Amino acid sequence: MYRVCFVCTGNICRSPMAESVFHARVAEAGLDGLVDVDSAGTDGWHEGDGADPRTVAVLEAAGYAQDHRARQFRASWFAALDLVIALDGGHLRALRAMAPTAEDAAKIRLLRSYDPAAPAGADVPDPYYGSLDGFEECLRLVEAACPGLLEAVRGALETKEHAA
């Protein structure tokens, strides 16, 4: 099983959105038995809460399923994960600081690094304090990065398969 975890701040807006979209892409590609998709937050403020209602509304309007409970990312999880996807540069720095080893730190990537149209180091902006438009923009940015991420995961699965 190849394990991917998306990480934002509170795990109620961006990372659950990315989790839902990428899970749908994995299922469409016929890889749902091979790829586990999850999400968490760098902070635990919302642990146990569902996704922000605006995240749920935007996902549902776009036809994505979601069933989410927020949780905080733990350094101990690195050992079980293949890829940790940060939604912005702050999350990237926080996760790298948390990584127990250089090998674990190498598993961390920015989501928009998988979007060939995105500038280097581009973030998915936090929509929490804004209007519904920010959540719709978040979904657009997540969807734009998911094909490249899916190709990277597919390549990693093939490499794993050949190594086995």
N, C-alpha and C. Protein backbone atom coordinates (compact mmCIF):
# COMPACT_ATOMS: atom_id res chain seq x y z
N MET A 1 0.85 -1.19 0.00
CA MET A 1 0.00 0.00 0.00
C MET A 1 0.89 1.25 0.00
N TYR A 2 0.58 2.19 -0.87
CA TYR A 2 1.29 3.47 -0.93
C TYR A 2 0.43 4.48 -0.18
N ARG A 3 1.03 5.16 0.79
CA ARG A 3 0.26 6.04 1.68
C ARG A 3 0.62 7.51 1.48
N VAL A 4 -0.44 8.32 1.24
CA VAL A 4 -0.31 9.76 1.02
C VAL A 4 -1.13 10.48 2.07
N CYS A 5 -0.54 11.49 2.70
CA CYS A 5 -1.27 12.30 3.69
C CYS A 5 -1.12 13.77 3.32
N PHE A 6 -2.25 14.45 3.17
CA PHE A 6 -2.28 15.88 2.90
C PHE A 6 -2.33 16.63 4.22
N VAL A 7 -1.56 17.71 4.34
CA VAL A 7 -1.48 18.43 5.61
C VAL A 7 -1.68 19.93 5.40
N CYS A 8 -2.62 20.51 6.16
CA CYS A 8 -2.79 21.96 6.22
C CYS A 8 -2.72 22.36 7.70
N THR A 9 -3.33 23.46 8.07
CA THR A 9 -3.20 23.96 9.44
C THR A 9 -4.12 23.22 10.42
N GLY A 10 -5.43 23.35 10.20
CA GLY A 10 -6.39 22.78 11.15
C GLY A 10 -7.09 21.52 10.68
N ASN A 11 -6.82 21.11 9.42
CA ASN A 11 -7.42 19.90 8.85
C ASN A 11 -8.93 20.00 8.72
N ILE A 12 -9.41 21.22 8.39
CA ILE A 12 -10.85 21.37 8.15
C ILE A 12 -11.18 22.03 6.80
N CYS A 13 -10.18 22.58 6.11
CA CYS A 13 -10.44 23.25 4.83
C CYS A 13 -9.66 22.61 3.68
N ARG A 14 -8.38 22.99 3.58
CA ARG A 14 -7.59 22.59 2.42
C ARG A 14 -7.25 21.11 2.37
N SER A 15 -6.73 20.56 3.47
CA SER A 15 -6.29 19.15 3.40
C SER A 15 -7.45 18.17 3.24
N PRO A 16 -8.62 18.39 3.89
CA PRO A 16 -9.71 17.45 3.61
C PRO A 16 -10.22 17.58 2.17
N MET A 17 -10.13 18.81 1.62
CA MET A 17 -10.53 19.00 0.23
C MET A 17 -9.58 18.22 -0.69
N ALA A 18 -8.28 18.36 -0.44
CA ALA A 18 -7.30 17.64 -1.25
C ALA A 18 -7.46 16.13 -1.09
N GLU A 19 -7.73 15.70 0.13
CA GLU A 19 -7.94 14.27 0.38
C GLU A 19 -9.11 13.74 -0.46
N SER A 20 -10.24 14.46 -0.45
CA SER A 20 -11.43 14.03 -1.21
C SER A 20 -11.17 14.00 -2.71
N VAL A 21 -10.55 15.05 -3.22
CA VAL A 21 -10.29 15.13 -4.66
C VAL A 21 -9.30 14.03 -5.08
N PHE A 22 -8.22 13.89 -4.33
CA PHE A 22 -7.22 12.89 -4.72
C PHE A 22 -7.76 11.47 -4.56
N HIS A 23 -8.56 11.24 -3.54
CA HIS A 23 -9.18 9.92 -3.37
C HIS A 23 -10.03 9.60 -4.61
N ALA A 24 -10.77 10.58 -5.11
CA ALA A 24 -11.59 10.37 -6.30
C ALA A 24 -10.70 10.05 -7.51
N ARG A 25 -9.58 10.75 -7.65
CA ARG A 25 -8.66 10.51 -8.78
C ARG A 25 -8.04 9.11 -8.68
N VAL A 26 -7.68 8.71 -7.47
CA VAL A 26 -7.11 7.38 -7.25
C VAL A 26 -8.14 6.31 -7.62
N ALA A 27 -9.39 6.51 -7.21
CA ALA A 27 -10.44 5.54 -7.52
C ALA A 27 -10.69 5.48 -9.04
N GLU A 28 -10.74 6.65 -9.69
CA GLU A 28 -10.96 6.70 -11.14
C GLU A 28 -9.83 5.96 -11.88
N ALA A 29 -8.63 6.02 -11.33
CA ALA A 29 -7.48 5.37 -11.95
C ALA A 29 -7.40 3.87 -11.63
N GLY A 30 -8.35 3.38 -10.82
CA GLY A 30 -8.36 1.97 -10.45
C GLY A 30 -7.28 1.60 -9.45
N LEU A 31 -6.80 2.59 -8.70
CA LEU A 31 -5.71 2.35 -7.75
C LEU A 31 -6.15 2.36 -6.29
N ASP A 32 -7.46 2.40 -6.04
CA ASP A 32 -7.91 2.55 -4.66
C ASP A 32 -7.52 1.40 -3.75
N GLY A 33 -7.21 0.25 -4.27
CA GLY A 33 -6.72 -0.84 -3.43
C GLY A 33 -5.22 -0.76 -3.18
N LEU A 34 -4.54 0.15 -3.89
CA LEU A 34 -3.09 0.27 -3.79
C LEU A 34 -2.62 1.55 -3.12
N VAL A 35 -3.51 2.55 -3.06
CA VAL A 35 -3.13 3.87 -2.53
C VAL A 35 -4.10 4.26 -1.41
N ASP A 36 -3.54 4.58 -0.26
CA ASP A 36 -4.32 5.05 0.88
C ASP A 36 -4.16 6.57 0.95
N VAL A 37 -5.28 7.29 1.01
CA VAL A 37 -5.26 8.75 1.03
C VAL A 37 -5.85 9.24 2.34
N ASP A 38 -5.15 10.19 2.98
CA ASP A 38 -5.54 10.66 4.30
C ASP A 38 -5.22 12.15 4.41
N SER A 39 -5.58 12.76 5.52
CA SER A 39 -5.21 14.16 5.76
C SER A 39 -5.11 14.42 7.26
N ALA A 40 -4.42 15.53 7.58
CA ALA A 40 -4.24 15.94 8.98
C ALA A 40 -3.86 17.41 8.99
N GLY A 41 -3.77 17.96 10.20
CA GLY A 41 -3.37 19.36 10.37
C GLY A 41 -2.09 19.48 11.17
N THR A 42 -1.37 20.56 10.97
CA THR A 42 -0.17 20.78 11.77
C THR A 42 -0.55 21.13 13.20
N ASP A 43 -1.75 21.65 13.40
CA ASP A 43 -2.24 22.03 14.72
C ASP A 43 -3.50 21.25 15.06
N GLY A 44 -3.79 21.12 16.33
CA GLY A 44 -4.91 20.30 16.77
C GLY A 44 -6.16 21.05 17.19
N TRP A 45 -6.28 22.30 16.79
CA TRP A 45 -7.42 23.13 17.23
C TRP A 45 -8.78 22.51 16.94
N HIS A 46 -8.90 21.81 15.83
CA HIS A 46 -10.20 21.30 15.38
C HIS A 46 -10.33 19.78 15.48
N GLU A 47 -9.41 19.14 16.23
CA GLU A 47 -9.44 17.67 16.31
C GLU A 47 -10.84 17.17 16.63
N GLY A 48 -11.27 16.19 15.83
CA GLY A 48 -12.59 15.58 16.02
C GLY A 48 -13.70 16.27 15.27
N ASP A 49 -13.47 17.50 14.77
CA ASP A 49 -14.50 18.23 14.03
C ASP A 49 -14.59 17.72 12.60
N GLY A 50 -15.73 17.95 11.99
CA GLY A 50 -15.88 17.67 10.57
C GLY A 50 -15.22 18.78 9.77
N ALA A 51 -15.24 18.63 8.46
CA ALA A 51 -14.69 19.66 7.59
C ALA A 51 -15.55 20.93 7.70
N ASP A 52 -14.93 22.07 7.42
CA ASP A 52 -15.64 23.35 7.40
C ASP A 52 -16.85 23.21 6.47
N PRO A 53 -18.01 23.76 6.87
CA PRO A 53 -19.22 23.63 6.03
C PRO A 53 -19.02 24.16 4.61
N ARG A 54 -18.16 25.17 4.45
CA ARG A 54 -17.90 25.69 3.10
C ARG A 54 -17.09 24.69 2.28
N THR A 55 -16.18 23.98 2.91
CA THR A 55 -15.44 22.91 2.22
C THR A 55 -16.42 21.83 1.77
N VAL A 56 -17.31 21.43 2.67
CA VAL A 56 -18.30 20.39 2.36
C VAL A 56 -19.18 20.85 1.19
N ALA A 57 -19.64 22.11 1.23
CA ALA A 57 -20.52 22.63 0.18
C ALA A 57 -19.83 22.63 -1.18
N VAL A 58 -18.59 23.09 -1.22
CA VAL A 58 -17.84 23.15 -2.48
C VAL A 58 -17.57 21.75 -3.01
N LEU A 59 -17.18 20.84 -2.12
CA LEU A 59 -16.93 19.45 -2.56
C LEU A 59 -18.21 18.80 -3.08
N GLU A 60 -19.30 18.95 -2.35
CA GLU A 60 -20.57 18.35 -2.78
C GLU A 60 -21.04 18.92 -4.10
N ALA A 61 -20.91 20.24 -4.28
CA ALA A 61 -21.32 20.88 -5.53
C ALA A 61 -20.52 20.36 -6.72
N ALA A 62 -19.28 19.97 -6.47
CA ALA A 62 -18.41 19.45 -7.53
C ALA A 62 -18.51 17.92 -7.67
N GLY A 63 -19.35 17.29 -6.84
CA GLY A 63 -19.57 15.86 -6.96
C GLY A 63 -18.61 14.97 -6.19
N TYR A 64 -17.88 15.55 -5.23
CA TYR A 64 -16.94 14.76 -4.44
C TYR A 64 -17.58 14.30 -3.14
N ALA A 65 -17.28 13.05 -2.77
CA ALA A 65 -17.74 12.51 -1.49
C ALA A 65 -16.74 12.93 -0.42
N GLN A 66 -17.23 13.10 0.79
CA GLN A 66 -16.31 13.36 1.91
C GLN A 66 -16.95 12.93 3.21
N ASP A 67 -16.14 12.37 4.05
CA ASP A 67 -16.54 11.95 5.39
C ASP A 67 -15.29 12.18 6.21
N HIS A 68 -15.28 13.23 7.00
CA HIS A 68 -14.02 13.68 7.56
C HIS A 68 -14.12 14.01 9.05
N ARG A 69 -13.05 13.70 9.77
CA ARG A 69 -12.85 14.12 11.16
C ARG A 69 -11.44 14.65 11.25
N ALA A 70 -11.30 15.89 11.71
CA ALA A 70 -9.98 16.53 11.80
C ALA A 70 -9.10 15.85 12.84
N ARG A 71 -7.82 15.82 12.53
CA ARG A 71 -6.84 15.30 13.48
C ARG A 71 -5.50 15.99 13.24
N GLN A 72 -4.64 15.89 14.22
CA GLN A 72 -3.33 16.54 14.16
C GLN A 72 -2.28 15.55 13.68
N PHE A 73 -1.42 16.03 12.77
CA PHE A 73 -0.33 15.20 12.26
C PHE A 73 0.66 14.91 13.39
N ARG A 74 1.16 13.70 13.43
CA ARG A 74 2.14 13.29 14.43
C ARG A 74 3.44 12.86 13.75
N ALA A 75 4.57 13.22 14.33
CA ALA A 75 5.87 12.86 13.76
C ALA A 75 6.01 11.36 13.60
N SER A 76 5.39 10.59 14.47
CA SER A 76 5.49 9.12 14.40
C SER A 76 4.85 8.56 13.13
N TRP A 77 4.01 9.34 12.47
CA TRP A 77 3.34 8.86 11.26
C TRP A 77 4.29 8.74 10.07
N PHE A 78 5.38 9.52 10.09
CA PHE A 78 6.29 9.51 8.94
C PHE A 78 6.70 8.09 8.55
N ALA A 79 6.95 7.25 9.52
CA ALA A 79 7.42 5.90 9.25
C ALA A 79 6.46 5.11 8.37
N ALA A 80 5.16 5.36 8.50
CA ALA A 80 4.16 4.61 7.74
C ALA A 80 3.75 5.29 6.44
N LEU A 81 4.21 6.52 6.21
CA LEU A 81 3.80 7.28 5.03
C LEU A 81 4.85 7.25 3.93
N ASP A 82 4.39 7.29 2.69
CA ASP A 82 5.29 7.37 1.54
C ASP A 82 5.44 8.80 1.06
N LEU A 83 4.37 9.59 1.22
CA LEU A 83 4.36 10.96 0.73
C LEU A 83 3.52 11.82 1.67
N VAL A 84 4.07 12.96 2.07
CA VAL A 84 3.36 13.91 2.92
C VAL A 84 3.25 15.20 2.11
N ILE A 85 2.01 15.60 1.82
CA ILE A 85 1.77 16.73 0.92
C ILE A 85 1.34 17.95 1.72
N ALA A 86 2.20 18.96 1.73
CA ALA A 86 1.92 20.22 2.42
C ALA A 86 1.12 21.14 1.49
N LEU A 87 0.16 21.86 2.06
CA LEU A 87 -0.66 22.75 1.25
C LEU A 87 -0.04 24.13 1.09
N ASP A 88 0.87 24.51 1.99
CA ASP A 88 1.57 25.78 1.79
C ASP A 88 2.97 25.71 2.40
N GLY A 89 3.74 26.76 2.17
CA GLY A 89 5.13 26.79 2.62
C GLY A 89 5.27 26.71 4.13
N GLY A 90 4.32 27.26 4.87
CA GLY A 90 4.36 27.17 6.33
C GLY A 90 4.22 25.74 6.80
N HIS A 91 3.33 25.00 6.15
CA HIS A 91 3.16 23.58 6.50
C HIS A 91 4.41 22.80 6.12
N LEU A 92 4.99 23.14 4.98
CA LEU A 92 6.22 22.48 4.53
C LEU A 92 7.33 22.65 5.57
N ARG A 93 7.51 23.87 6.05
CA ARG A 93 8.53 24.13 7.06
C ARG A 93 8.22 23.41 8.38
N ALA A 94 6.97 23.45 8.81
CA ALA A 94 6.57 22.79 10.06
C ALA A 94 6.79 21.29 9.98
N LEU A 95 6.43 20.70 8.85
CA LEU A 95 6.60 19.26 8.68
C LEU A 95 8.07 18.87 8.61
N ARG A 96 8.87 19.66 7.92
CA ARG A 96 10.30 19.36 7.85
C ARG A 96 10.94 19.44 9.24
N ALA A 97 10.49 20.41 10.05
CA ALA A 97 11.02 20.54 11.41
C ALA A 97 10.61 19.35 12.28
N MET A 98 9.48 18.76 11.95
CA MET A 98 8.93 17.64 12.72
C MET A 98 9.52 16.29 12.28
N ALA A 99 10.03 16.22 11.06
CA ALA A 99 10.52 14.96 10.50
C ALA A 99 11.67 14.39 11.33
N PRO A 100 11.54 13.14 11.79
CA PRO A 100 12.58 12.54 12.63
C PRO A 100 13.91 12.31 11.91
N THR A 101 13.86 12.08 10.59
CA THR A 101 15.08 11.78 9.84
C THR A 101 15.09 12.55 8.52
N ALA A 102 16.25 12.61 7.88
CA ALA A 102 16.36 13.22 6.56
C ALA A 102 15.52 12.45 5.54
N GLU A 103 15.45 11.14 5.70
CA GLU A 103 14.62 10.32 4.82
C GLU A 103 13.15 10.70 4.94
N ASP A 104 12.69 10.95 6.18
CA ASP A 104 11.31 11.39 6.39
C ASP A 104 11.08 12.77 5.78
N ALA A 105 12.02 13.69 5.96
CA ALA A 105 11.89 15.03 5.40
C ALA A 105 11.80 14.99 3.88
N ALA A 106 12.46 14.02 3.27
CA ALA A 106 12.44 13.88 1.81
C ALA A 106 11.08 13.42 1.28
N LYS A 107 10.20 12.96 2.15
CA LYS A 107 8.86 12.52 1.75
C LYS A 107 7.89 13.70 1.61
N ILE A 108 8.29 14.89 2.04
CA ILE A 108 7.40 16.05 2.10
C ILE A 108 7.50 16.85 0.80
N ARG A 109 6.34 17.18 0.23
CA ARG A 109 6.27 17.97 -0.99
C ARG A 109 5.14 18.98 -0.88
N LEU A 110 5.28 20.09 -1.60
CA LEU A 110 4.18 21.06 -1.73
C LEU A 110 3.20 20.54 -2.79
N LEU A 111 1.92 20.63 -2.51
CA LEU A 111 0.92 20.13 -3.46
C LEU A 111 1.06 20.77 -4.83
N ARG A 112 1.21 22.09 -4.87
CA ARG A 112 1.21 22.77 -6.17
C ARG A 112 2.48 22.49 -6.97
N SER A 113 3.47 21.84 -6.36
CA SER A 113 4.66 21.45 -7.13
C SER A 113 4.30 20.41 -8.19
N TYR A 114 3.12 19.80 -8.08
CA TYR A 114 2.66 18.81 -9.05
C TYR A 114 1.83 19.44 -10.17
N ASP A 115 1.63 20.75 -10.11
CA ASP A 115 0.89 21.48 -11.15
C ASP A 115 1.90 22.18 -12.04
N PRO A 116 2.07 21.73 -13.30
CA PRO A 116 3.09 22.33 -14.16
C PRO A 116 2.85 23.82 -14.45
N ALA A 117 1.62 24.29 -14.27
CA ALA A 117 1.31 25.70 -14.53
C ALA A 117 1.58 26.59 -13.31
N ALA A 118 1.83 25.99 -12.15
CA ALA A 118 2.04 26.77 -10.92
C ALA A 118 3.49 27.24 -10.84
N PRO A 119 3.70 28.47 -10.34
CA PRO A 119 5.08 28.91 -10.13
C PRO A 119 5.74 28.09 -9.01
N ALA A 120 7.06 28.01 -9.05
CA ALA A 120 7.79 27.28 -8.00
C ALA A 120 7.44 27.83 -6.63
N GLY A 121 7.21 26.93 -5.68
CA GLY A 121 6.92 27.33 -4.31
C GLY A 121 5.51 27.85 -4.08
N ALA A 122 4.61 27.66 -5.06
CA ALA A 122 3.24 28.20 -4.94
C ALA A 122 2.45 27.46 -3.86
N ASP A 123 1.66 28.24 -3.12
CA ASP A 123 0.81 27.73 -2.06
C ASP A 123 -0.63 27.54 -2.53
N VAL A 124 -1.38 26.76 -1.78
CA VAL A 124 -2.84 26.78 -1.87
C VAL A 124 -3.25 27.71 -0.73
N PRO A 125 -3.73 28.92 -1.04
CA PRO A 125 -4.05 29.89 0.02
C PRO A 125 -5.15 29.39 0.96
N ASP A 126 -5.04 29.79 2.22
CA ASP A 126 -6.02 29.40 3.24
C ASP A 126 -7.32 30.16 3.01
N PRO A 127 -8.43 29.46 2.72
CA PRO A 127 -9.70 30.15 2.47
C PRO A 127 -10.51 30.46 3.74
N TYR A 128 -10.05 30.00 4.88
CA TYR A 128 -10.85 30.00 6.12
C TYR A 128 -11.47 31.34 6.46
N TYR A 129 -10.70 32.43 6.37
CA TYR A 129 -11.20 33.74 6.80
C TYR A 129 -11.90 34.52 5.70
N GLY A 130 -12.08 33.89 4.54
CA GLY A 130 -12.69 34.59 3.42
C GLY A 130 -14.07 34.06 3.08
N SER A 131 -14.48 34.36 1.86
CA SER A 131 -15.81 33.97 1.38
C SER A 131 -15.76 32.61 0.70
N LEU A 132 -16.90 32.18 0.22
CA LEU A 132 -17.01 30.90 -0.48
C LEU A 132 -16.12 30.89 -1.73
N ASP A 133 -15.89 32.05 -2.33
CA ASP A 133 -15.02 32.14 -3.51
C ASP A 133 -13.64 31.56 -3.23
N GLY A 134 -13.11 31.80 -2.03
CA GLY A 134 -11.80 31.28 -1.66
C GLY A 134 -11.77 29.77 -1.62
N PHE A 135 -12.88 29.17 -1.21
CA PHE A 135 -12.99 27.71 -1.17
C PHE A 135 -13.08 27.14 -2.58
N GLU A 136 -13.79 27.86 -3.46
CA GLU A 136 -13.88 27.44 -4.85
C GLU A 136 -12.52 27.53 -5.53
N GLU A 137 -11.75 28.59 -5.23
CA GLU A 137 -10.40 28.74 -5.76
C GLU A 137 -9.50 27.63 -5.23
N CYS A 138 -9.64 27.31 -3.97
CA CYS A 138 -8.88 26.21 -3.35
C CYS A 138 -9.13 24.91 -4.11
N LEU A 139 -10.39 24.63 -4.40
CA LEU A 139 -10.73 23.42 -5.13
C LEU A 139 -10.09 23.43 -6.52
N ARG A 140 -10.13 24.57 -7.19
CA ARG A 140 -9.53 24.69 -8.53
C ARG A 140 -8.03 24.38 -8.48
N LEU A 141 -7.33 24.92 -7.48
CA LEU A 141 -5.89 24.70 -7.34
C LEU A 141 -5.57 23.25 -7.00
N VAL A 142 -6.37 22.65 -6.13
CA VAL A 142 -6.19 21.25 -5.77
C VAL A 142 -6.40 20.37 -7.00
N GLU A 143 -7.49 20.62 -7.72
CA GLU A 143 -7.78 19.82 -8.91
C GLU A 143 -6.68 19.94 -9.96
N ALA A 144 -6.08 21.12 -10.08
CA ALA A 144 -5.02 21.33 -11.07
C ALA A 144 -3.76 20.54 -10.73
N ALA A 145 -3.51 20.33 -9.46
CA ALA A 145 -2.30 19.61 -9.03
C ALA A 145 -2.48 18.09 -9.00
N CYS A 146 -3.70 17.62 -8.88
CA CYS A 146 -3.93 16.18 -8.69
C CYS A 146 -3.49 15.29 -9.86
N PRO A 147 -3.64 15.69 -11.13
CA PRO A 147 -3.15 14.80 -12.19
C PRO A 147 -1.64 14.56 -12.10
N GLY A 148 -0.86 15.58 -11.83
CA GLY A 148 0.58 15.42 -11.69
C GLY A 148 0.94 14.57 -10.48
N LEU A 149 0.21 14.78 -9.38
CA LEU A 149 0.43 13.97 -8.18
C LEU A 149 0.09 12.51 -8.47
N LEU A 150 -1.01 12.28 -9.17
CA LEU A 150 -1.40 10.91 -9.49
C LEU A 150 -0.32 10.23 -10.35
N GLU A 151 0.24 10.95 -11.30
CA GLU A 151 1.30 10.38 -12.13
C GLU A 151 2.54 10.05 -11.30
N ALA A 152 2.88 10.93 -10.35
CA ALA A 152 4.02 10.67 -9.47
C ALA A 152 3.78 9.43 -8.62
N VAL A 153 2.57 9.30 -8.08
CA VAL A 153 2.23 8.14 -7.26
C VAL A 153 2.23 6.87 -8.11
N ARG A 154 1.68 6.96 -9.31
CA ARG A 154 1.68 5.81 -10.22
C ARG A 154 3.12 5.37 -10.51
N GLY A 155 4.00 6.33 -10.76
CA GLY A 155 5.42 6.03 -10.99
C GLY A 155 6.08 5.40 -9.77
N ALA A 156 5.76 5.90 -8.59
CA ALA A 156 6.31 5.34 -7.36
C ALA A 156 5.81 3.91 -7.15
N LEU A 157 4.55 3.66 -7.48
CA LEU A 157 4.00 2.30 -7.35
C LEU A 157 4.73 1.35 -8.29
N GLU A 158 4.99 1.80 -9.51
CA GLU A 158 5.71 0.94 -10.48
C GLU A 158 7.12 0.66 -9.99
N THR A 159 7.77 1.67 -9.42
CA THR A 159 9.12 1.49 -8.88
C THR A 159 9.11 0.50 -7.72
N LYS A 160 8.11 0.64 -6.84
CA LYS A 160 7.95 -0.29 -5.70
C LYS A 160 7.73 -1.71 -6.19
N GLU A 161 6.90 -1.82 -7.22
CA GLU A 161 6.55 -3.12 -7.79
C GLU A 161 7.80 -3.80 -8.37
N HIS A 162 8.62 -3.03 -9.07
CA HIS A 162 9.82 -3.59 -9.67
C HIS A 162 10.88 -3.94 -8.62
N ALA A 163 10.87 -3.22 -7.52
CA ALA A 163 11.84 -3.47 -6.44
C ALA A 163 11.47 -4.71 -5.63
N ALA A 164 10.19 -5.05 -5.65
CA ALA A 164 9.71 -6.19 -4.83
C ALA A 164 10.08 -7.54 -5.41
